[in-house]
């Protein structure tokens, strides 16, 4: 005698639009603010080394840190921002409103994007969701056609990789 079992399956269709899953940041409680004369957890000498600069001036430090660096190819302006209650979606909306071209990235396990406006090809920002908010490095090469997006992403990677 042979016994047979039949299985029935049911299906269910749901409406809506599929969206990519949004990953939570891996460091929800970490602060990237201005502490011990460091912006984004980086010492001034680290910025000089990462951008190949011979000198650095920091005209302002706080929630926004400004730098002017001298390199062999010219002057580089750099700005770091950390908004502990900010959101990457808001920063993305601001970039889009200013006609920036966006490139989505994942940087050290953090959702991020690069933003570059067509009328300022020597400038670029790298923004990531980090800690409880959002941080950005903006880089502009004054005289040269340096790769501002690569430089901004390098600083973002160093910040997200830094020990607190």
C-alpha atoms as a PDB file:
ATOM      1  CA  UNK A   1       0.000   0.000   0.000  1.00  0.00           C
ATOM      2  CA  UNK A   2       1.410   3.389  -1.001  1.00  0.00           C
ATOM      3  CA  UNK A   3       0.344   6.554   0.795  1.00  0.00           C
ATOM      4  CA  UNK A   4       0.343   9.823  -1.089  1.00  0.00           C
ATOM      5  CA  UNK A   5       0.339  13.260   0.430  1.00  0.00           C
ATOM      6  CA  UNK A   6      -0.651  16.321  -1.473  1.00  0.00           C
ATOM      7  CA  UNK A   7       0.536  19.749  -0.426  1.00  0.00           C
ATOM      8  CA  UNK A   8      -1.297  22.856  -1.306  1.00  0.00           C
ATOM      9  CA  UNK A   9       0.191  26.268  -1.274  1.00  0.00           C
ATOM     10  CA  UNK A  10      -1.454  29.567  -1.036  1.00  0.00           C
ATOM     11  CA  UNK A  11      -0.191  32.841  -2.415  1.00  0.00           C
ATOM     12  CA  UNK A  12      -0.868  36.352  -1.391  1.00  0.00           C
ATOM     13  CA  UNK A  13      -0.242  39.452  -3.446  1.00  0.00           C
ATOM     14  CA  UNK A  14       0.441  42.778  -1.818  1.00  0.00           C
ATOM     15  CA  UNK A  15       0.382  46.200  -3.381  1.00  0.00           C
ATOM     16  CA  UNK A  16       3.088  48.826  -3.257  1.00  0.00           C
ATOM     17  CA  UNK A  17       6.492  49.551  -4.665  1.00  0.00           C
ATOM     18  CA  UNK A  18       9.589  47.597  -3.714  1.00  0.00           C
ATOM     19  CA  UNK A  19      12.249  49.677  -2.010  1.00  0.00           C
ATOM     20  CA  UNK A  20      15.855  48.893  -1.203  1.00  0.00           C
ATOM     21  CA  UNK A  21      16.370  48.059   2.465  1.00  0.00           C
ATOM     22  CA  UNK A  22      17.970  50.868   4.451  1.00  0.00           C
ATOM     23  CA  UNK A  23      20.708  49.716   6.721  1.00  0.00           C
ATOM     24  CA  UNK A  24      20.996  51.095  10.200  1.00  0.00           C
ATOM     25  CA  UNK A  25      24.260  52.815  10.999  1.00  0.00           C
ATOM     26  CA  UNK A  26      26.690  50.565  12.878  1.00  0.00           C
ATOM     27  CA  UNK A  27      27.622  53.248  15.418  1.00  0.00           C
ATOM     28  CA  UNK A  28      24.363  54.787  16.631  1.00  0.00           C
ATOM     29  CA  UNK A  29      25.848  56.169  19.885  1.00  0.00           C
ATOM     30  CA  UNK A  30      29.118  57.529  18.491  1.00  0.00           C
ATOM     31  CA  UNK A  31      29.797  61.271  18.323  1.00  0.00           C
ATOM     32  CA  UNK A  32      31.786  62.833  15.496  1.00  0.00           C
ATOM     33  CA  UNK A  33      31.702  66.350  16.906  1.00  0.00           C
ATOM     34  CA  UNK A  34      34.512  68.771  17.654  1.00  0.00           C
ATOM     35  CA  UNK A  35      36.526  67.386  20.581  1.00  0.00           C
ATOM     36  CA  UNK A  36      40.118  67.971  21.696  1.00  0.00           C
ATOM     37  CA  UNK A  37      40.831  70.235  18.701  1.00  0.00           C
ATOM     38  CA  UNK A  38      39.765  67.453  16.305  1.00  0.00           C
ATOM     39  CA  UNK A  39      37.061  67.659  13.671  1.00  0.00           C
ATOM     40  CA  UNK A  40      35.492  64.382  12.606  1.00  0.00           C
ATOM     41  CA  UNK A  41      37.871  62.513  14.922  1.00  0.00           C
ATOM     42  CA  UNK A  42      40.828  63.507  12.705  1.00  0.00           C
ATOM     43  CA  UNK A  43      43.910  65.407  13.825  1.00  0.00           C
ATOM     44  CA  UNK A  44      45.105  68.245  11.595  1.00  0.00           C
ATOM     45  CA  UNK A  45      48.237  66.270  10.699  1.00  0.00           C
ATOM     46  CA  UNK A  46      46.018  63.442   9.429  1.00  0.00           C
ATOM     47  CA  UNK A  47      44.284  65.811   7.014  1.00  0.00           C
ATOM     48  CA  UNK A  48      47.618  67.116   5.760  1.00  0.00           C
ATOM     49  CA  UNK A  49      48.844  63.568   5.181  1.00  0.00           C
ATOM     50  CA  UNK A  50      45.631  62.321   3.543  1.00  0.00           C
ATOM     51  CA  UNK A  51      45.526  65.256   1.111  1.00  0.00           C
ATOM     52  CA  UNK A  52      49.281  65.553   0.560  1.00  0.00           C
ATOM     53  CA  UNK A  53      49.453  69.070   1.988  1.00  0.00           C
ATOM     54  CA  UNK A  54      52.538  70.888   3.222  1.00  0.00           C
ATOM     55  CA  UNK A  55      50.596  73.282   5.446  1.00  0.00           C
ATOM     56  CA  UNK A  56      47.160  73.677   6.983  1.00  0.00           C
ATOM     57  CA  UNK A  57      45.260  76.593   8.496  1.00  0.00           C
ATOM     58  CA  UNK A  58      42.017  76.022  10.421  1.00  0.00           C
ATOM     59  CA  UNK A  59      40.168  79.373  10.418  1.00  0.00           C
ATOM     60  CA  UNK A  60      37.142  77.990  12.277  1.00  0.00           C
ATOM     61  CA  UNK A  61      36.359  74.950  14.436  1.00  0.00           C
ATOM     62  CA  UNK A  62      33.109  73.763  15.981  1.00  0.00           C
ATOM     63  CA  UNK A  63      30.016  72.105  14.494  1.00  0.00           C
ATOM     64  CA  UNK A  64      31.514  73.240  11.200  1.00  0.00           C
ATOM     65  CA  UNK A  65      35.291  73.098  10.739  1.00  0.00           C
ATOM     66  CA  UNK A  66      37.029  74.959   7.937  1.00  0.00           C
ATOM     67  CA  UNK A  67      40.502  74.243   6.598  1.00  0.00           C
ATOM     68  CA  UNK A  68      42.753  75.790   3.974  1.00  0.00           C
ATOM     69  CA  UNK A  69      45.549  73.468   2.864  1.00  0.00           C
ATOM     70  CA  UNK A  70      48.536  74.122   0.610  1.00  0.00           C
ATOM     71  CA  UNK A  71      49.557  71.318  -1.736  1.00  0.00           C
ATOM     72  CA  UNK A  72      52.043  71.074  -4.600  1.00  0.00           C
ATOM     73  CA  UNK A  73      49.168  71.615  -7.049  1.00  0.00           C
ATOM     74  CA  UNK A  74      47.611  74.585  -5.227  1.00  0.00           C
ATOM     75  CA  UNK A  75      45.249  75.567  -2.437  1.00  0.00           C
ATOM     76  CA  UNK A  76      42.536  73.187  -1.233  1.00  0.00           C
ATOM     77  CA  UNK A  77      39.504  74.320   0.771  1.00  0.00           C
ATOM     78  CA  UNK A  78      37.970  71.723   3.075  1.00  0.00           C
ATOM     79  CA  UNK A  79      34.872  71.897   5.281  1.00  0.00           C
ATOM     80  CA  UNK A  80      33.689  69.293   7.797  1.00  0.00           C
ATOM     81  CA  UNK A  81      30.160  69.307   9.217  1.00  0.00           C
ATOM     82  CA  UNK A  82      28.561  67.068  11.837  1.00  0.00           C
ATOM     83  CA  UNK A  83      24.882  67.412  12.641  1.00  0.00           C
ATOM     84  CA  UNK A  84      24.085  65.055  15.508  1.00  0.00           C
ATOM     85  CA  UNK A  85      20.347  65.233  14.777  1.00  0.00           C
ATOM     86  CA  UNK A  86      20.657  65.448  11.003  1.00  0.00           C
ATOM     87  CA  UNK A  87      19.513  62.930   8.418  1.00  0.00           C
ATOM     88  CA  UNK A  88      21.073  61.666   5.240  1.00  0.00           C
ATOM     89  CA  UNK A  89      17.717  62.023   3.465  1.00  0.00           C
ATOM     90  CA  UNK A  90      17.605  65.751   4.265  1.00  0.00           C
ATOM     91  CA  UNK A  91      21.182  66.226   3.059  1.00  0.00           C
ATOM     92  CA  UNK A  92      20.361  64.308  -0.127  1.00  0.00           C
ATOM     93  CA  UNK A  93      17.318  66.550  -0.722  1.00  0.00           C
ATOM     94  CA  UNK A  94      19.455  69.683  -0.264  1.00  0.00           C
ATOM     95  CA  UNK A  95      22.058  68.380  -2.733  1.00  0.00           C
ATOM     96  CA  UNK A  96      19.382  67.541  -5.307  1.00  0.00           C
ATOM     97  CA  UNK A  97      17.786  70.979  -4.835  1.00  0.00           C
ATOM     98  CA  UNK A  98      21.175  72.492  -5.732  1.00  0.00           C
ATOM     99  CA  UNK A  99      21.376  70.411  -8.931  1.00  0.00           C
ATOM    100  CA  UNK A 100      24.170  68.154  -7.689  1.00  0.00           C
ATOM    101  CA  UNK A 101      24.895  64.817  -9.336  1.00  0.00           C
ATOM    102  CA  UNK A 102      24.710  62.126  -6.660  1.00  0.00           C
ATOM    103  CA  UNK A 103      26.591  58.850  -6.440  1.00  0.00           C
ATOM    104  CA  UNK A 104      25.321  56.454  -3.787  1.00  0.00           C
ATOM    105  CA  UNK A 105      28.012  54.671  -1.793  1.00  0.00           C
ATOM    106  CA  UNK A 106      28.552  52.508   1.229  1.00  0.00           C
ATOM    107  CA  UNK A 107      31.567  53.788   3.164  1.00  0.00           C
ATOM    108  CA  UNK A 108      32.856  51.708   6.089  1.00  0.00           C
ATOM    109  CA  UNK A 109      29.402  50.092   6.407  1.00  0.00           C
ATOM    110  CA  UNK A 110      27.600  53.471   6.433  1.00  0.00           C
ATOM    111  CA  UNK A 111      25.065  54.614   3.833  1.00  0.00           C
ATOM    112  CA  UNK A 112      26.659  57.542   2.014  1.00  0.00           C
ATOM    113  CA  UNK A 113      26.674  59.585  -1.170  1.00  0.00           C
ATOM    114  CA  UNK A 114      28.965  61.864  -3.134  1.00  0.00           C
ATOM    115  CA  UNK A 115      27.519  65.143  -4.463  1.00  0.00           C
ATOM    116  CA  UNK A 116      29.045  67.252  -7.210  1.00  0.00           C
ATOM    117  CA  UNK A 117      27.514  70.168  -9.090  1.00  0.00           C
ATOM    118  CA  UNK A 118      28.256  70.357 -12.817  1.00  0.00           C
ATOM    119  CA  UNK A 119      29.192  74.043 -12.577  1.00  0.00           C
ATOM    120  CA  UNK A 120      31.850  73.371  -9.884  1.00  0.00           C
ATOM    121  CA  UNK A 121      33.761  70.280 -11.048  1.00  0.00           C
ATOM    122  CA  UNK A 122      36.691  71.040  -8.711  1.00  0.00           C
ATOM    123  CA  UNK A 123      34.431  70.664  -5.652  1.00  0.00           C
ATOM    124  CA  UNK A 124      32.645  67.652  -4.179  1.00  0.00           C
ATOM    125  CA  UNK A 125      31.123  66.520  -0.902  1.00  0.00           C
ATOM    126  CA  UNK A 126      30.972  63.090   0.708  1.00  0.00           C
ATOM    127  CA  UNK A 127      28.113  62.613   3.183  1.00  0.00           C
ATOM    128  CA  UNK A 128      27.269  59.656   5.428  1.00  0.00           C
ATOM    129  CA  UNK A 129      24.726  58.696   8.033  1.00  0.00           C
ATOM    130  CA  UNK A 130      26.810  58.212  11.147  1.00  0.00           C
ATOM    131  CA  UNK A 131      26.206  58.042  14.855  1.00  0.00           C
ATOM    132  CA  UNK A 132      22.907  59.753  15.639  1.00  0.00           C
ATOM    133  CA  UNK A 133      23.123  62.081  12.655  1.00  0.00           C
ATOM    134  CA  UNK A 134      24.998  62.921   9.499  1.00  0.00           C
ATOM    135  CA  UNK A 135      28.503  64.102   8.635  1.00  0.00           C
ATOM    136  CA  UNK A 136      29.952  65.657   5.494  1.00  0.00           C
ATOM    137  CA  UNK A 137      33.399  66.452   4.126  1.00  0.00           C
ATOM    138  CA  UNK A 138      33.437  69.033   1.318  1.00  0.00           C
ATOM    139  CA  UNK A 139      36.606  69.554  -0.739  1.00  0.00           C
ATOM    140  CA  UNK A 140      37.401  72.167  -3.376  1.00  0.00           C
ATOM    141  CA  UNK A 141      40.611  72.481  -5.367  1.00  0.00           C
ATOM    142  CA  UNK A 142      41.083  76.183  -6.167  1.00  0.00           C
ATOM    143  CA  UNK A 143      43.664  76.092  -8.969  1.00  0.00           C
ATOM    144  CA  UNK A 144      43.938  72.491 -10.061  1.00  0.00           C
ATOM    145  CA  UNK A 145      41.606  69.907 -11.488  1.00  0.00           C
ATOM    146  CA  UNK A 146      42.196  67.498  -8.590  1.00  0.00           C
ATOM    147  CA  UNK A 147      39.697  64.750  -7.893  1.00  0.00           C
ATOM    148  CA  UNK A 148      37.593  66.454  -5.228  1.00  0.00           C
ATOM    149  CA  UNK A 149      35.205  63.485  -4.877  1.00  0.00           C
ATOM    150  CA  UNK A 150      38.068  61.085  -4.231  1.00  0.00           C
ATOM    151  CA  UNK A 151      39.562  63.472  -1.657  1.00  0.00           C
ATOM    152  CA  UNK A 152      36.209  63.960   0.103  1.00  0.00           C
ATOM    153  CA  UNK A 153      35.592  60.207   0.173  1.00  0.00           C
ATOM    154  CA  UNK A 154      39.111  59.642   1.541  1.00  0.00           C
ATOM    155  CA  UNK A 155      38.392  62.018   4.440  1.00  0.00           C
ATOM    156  CA  UNK A 156      34.984  60.410   5.046  1.00  0.00           C
ATOM    157  CA  UNK A 157      36.547  56.948   5.096  1.00  0.00           C
ATOM    158  CA  UNK A 158      39.244  58.089   7.534  1.00  0.00           C
ATOM    159  CA  UNK A 159      36.636  59.650   9.818  1.00  0.00           C
ATOM    160  CA  UNK A 160      34.397  56.576   9.850  1.00  0.00           C
ATOM    161  CA  UNK A 161      37.445  54.358  10.443  1.00  0.00           C
ATOM    162  CA  UNK A 162      38.968  56.546  13.200  1.00  0.00           C
ATOM    163  CA  UNK A 163      39.169  55.454  16.799  1.00  0.00           C
ATOM    164  CA  UNK A 164      37.197  57.766  19.033  1.00  0.00           C
END
